[in-house]
Amino acid sequence: MGPSAGRAEPDGAWWPRSRDLPGELSALADVLDPLWGRITRVALDPRHWSDLPPRLVVNGHVVNVGFFTSEPDRHRIVLLSYSAGRWNLLVIPPETDAPSVARLMATASADAGPSMTATARS
């Protein structure tokens, strides 16, 4: 799956194990940087994360952090890379149970079907 071309649907899903963005983003970049290119900027809803500085050092490079509070789905993170573009990832809250996580990840990764939000966990 590649980066989106400005579309609103998620390109995939991410299930961080905590609300500590510096630690969690490092692990995400370990996976994504080799596949898609270095993450240079993230935008997210600050209400769901602790300790949000305007810049983070992630795996030896600086990642700028931006904030939004008006997104239709507050459980989203936007990742930007100079070399590959933009990715919209559904952020599954850390406290979500494993069966719900599996369903949300499968739905977010599907090429077709209705849009799913992390708050729709029933």
Protein backbone atom coordinates (compact mmCIF):
# COMPACT_ATOMS: atom_id res chain seq x y z
CA MET A 1 0.00 0.00 0.00
CA GLY A 2 1.40 3.40 -0.93
CA PRO A 3 0.85 6.93 0.29
CA SER A 4 -2.41 8.70 -0.40
CA ALA A 5 -2.83 11.46 -2.94
CA GLY A 6 -4.65 13.80 -0.58
CA ARG A 7 -7.61 11.50 -0.04
CA ALA A 8 -9.39 11.37 3.30
CA GLU A 9 -9.63 7.58 3.64
CA PRO A 10 -6.97 5.95 5.78
CA ASP A 11 -4.00 4.38 4.05
CA GLY A 12 -3.71 1.93 6.93
CA ALA A 13 -3.91 1.67 10.70
CA TRP A 14 -1.51 2.03 13.60
CA TRP A 15 -1.96 0.60 17.09
CA PRO A 16 0.52 2.36 19.39
CA ARG A 17 1.01 0.66 22.75
CA SER A 18 0.97 3.97 24.68
CA ARG A 19 0.18 7.67 24.29
CA ASP A 20 3.87 8.59 24.35
CA LEU A 21 4.41 9.96 20.83
CA PRO A 22 8.23 10.23 20.97
CA GLY A 23 8.61 6.55 21.86
CA GLU A 24 5.81 5.27 19.65
CA LEU A 25 6.79 7.29 16.57
CA SER A 26 10.30 5.87 16.72
CA ALA A 27 8.94 2.34 16.44
CA LEU A 28 6.60 3.35 13.60
CA ALA A 29 9.46 5.03 11.72
CA ASP A 30 11.56 1.87 12.08
CA VAL A 31 8.97 0.14 9.89
CA LEU A 32 7.90 2.95 7.54
CA ASP A 33 11.13 4.82 6.79
CA PRO A 34 12.72 1.93 4.83
CA LEU A 35 9.48 1.31 2.91
CA TRP A 36 8.25 4.84 2.18
CA GLY A 37 11.12 7.20 2.93
CA ARG A 38 11.98 9.24 5.96
CA ILE A 39 9.05 10.71 7.87
CA THR A 40 9.67 14.46 8.13
CA ARG A 41 6.42 15.77 9.62
CA VAL A 42 3.39 14.47 11.50
CA ALA A 43 0.04 16.11 12.18
CA LEU A 44 -2.28 14.78 14.86
CA ASP A 45 -4.93 15.64 17.40
CA PRO A 46 -3.02 16.69 20.56
CA ARG A 47 -5.83 15.60 22.90
CA HIS A 48 -4.79 11.96 22.55
CA TRP A 49 -1.06 12.23 23.21
CA SER A 50 1.13 13.19 26.13
CA ASP A 51 4.33 15.24 25.92
CA LEU A 52 4.04 16.86 22.46
CA PRO A 53 7.00 19.04 21.58
CA PRO A 54 6.99 20.90 18.23
CA ARG A 55 9.91 18.75 17.02
CA LEU A 56 11.08 15.24 17.80
CA VAL A 57 14.31 13.46 17.04
CA VAL A 58 13.24 10.14 15.57
CA ASN A 59 15.92 7.62 14.68
CA GLY A 60 18.52 10.34 14.24
CA HIS A 61 16.50 12.88 12.25
CA VAL A 62 14.10 15.71 13.13
CA VAL A 63 10.36 15.23 12.67
CA ASN A 64 8.20 18.35 12.93
CA VAL A 65 4.95 17.93 14.86
CA GLY A 66 1.78 19.77 13.85
CA PHE A 67 -1.63 19.72 15.44
CA PHE A 68 -5.25 19.69 14.31
CA THR A 69 -8.49 19.62 16.26
CA SER A 70 -11.01 19.93 13.45
CA GLU A 71 -10.52 16.59 11.66
CA PRO A 72 -13.71 14.54 11.30
CA ASP A 73 -11.91 11.57 12.88
CA ARG A 74 -9.78 12.61 15.81
CA HIS A 75 -8.12 9.17 15.73
CA ARG A 76 -5.95 9.96 12.74
CA ILE A 77 -2.31 10.80 12.20
CA VAL A 78 -0.97 12.31 9.00
CA LEU A 79 2.61 11.41 8.10
CA LEU A 80 4.58 13.40 5.54
CA SER A 81 7.75 12.46 3.68
CA TYR A 82 9.66 14.57 1.15
CA SER A 83 10.39 11.54 -0.98
CA ALA A 84 7.04 9.74 -0.99
CA GLY A 85 4.22 12.08 0.00
CA ARG A 86 1.48 11.77 2.60
CA TRP A 87 -0.10 8.91 4.53
CA ASN A 88 -3.28 9.05 6.58
CA LEU A 89 -3.27 6.43 9.31
CA LEU A 90 -6.11 5.49 11.60
CA VAL A 91 -4.75 5.54 15.16
CA ILE A 92 -6.30 2.79 17.21
CA PRO A 93 -6.29 3.83 20.89
CA PRO A 94 -3.82 1.83 23.02
CA GLU A 95 -6.57 0.59 25.33
CA THR A 96 -8.53 -1.06 22.49
CA ASP A 97 -9.06 -4.82 22.85
CA ALA A 98 -7.30 -7.15 20.40
CA PRO A 99 -10.42 -8.38 18.50
CA SER A 100 -11.48 -4.77 17.81
CA VAL A 101 -7.93 -3.91 16.74
CA ALA A 102 -7.90 -6.77 14.22
CA ARG A 103 -11.21 -5.65 12.74
CA LEU A 104 -10.19 -1.98 12.56
CA MET A 105 -6.82 -2.77 10.98
CA ALA A 106 -8.40 -5.03 8.36
CA THR A 107 -11.01 -2.40 7.51
CA ALA A 108 -8.49 0.45 7.37
CA SER A 109 -6.22 -1.56 5.08
CA ALA A 110 -8.96 -2.65 2.66
CA ASP A 111 -9.04 -0.97 -0.74
CA ALA A 112 -12.84 -0.78 -0.74
CA GLY A 113 -15.68 -0.54 1.71
CA PRO A 114 -17.12 1.99 4.11
CA SER A 115 -14.91 4.35 6.05
CA MET A 116 -14.24 3.24 9.62
CA THR A 117 -13.30 5.32 12.66
CA ALA A 118 -11.53 4.21 15.80
CA THR A 119 -14.50 5.36 17.85
CA ALA A 120 -16.75 2.89 16.00
CA ARG A 121 -15.50 -0.13 17.95
CA SER A 122 -18.73 -2.01 18.55
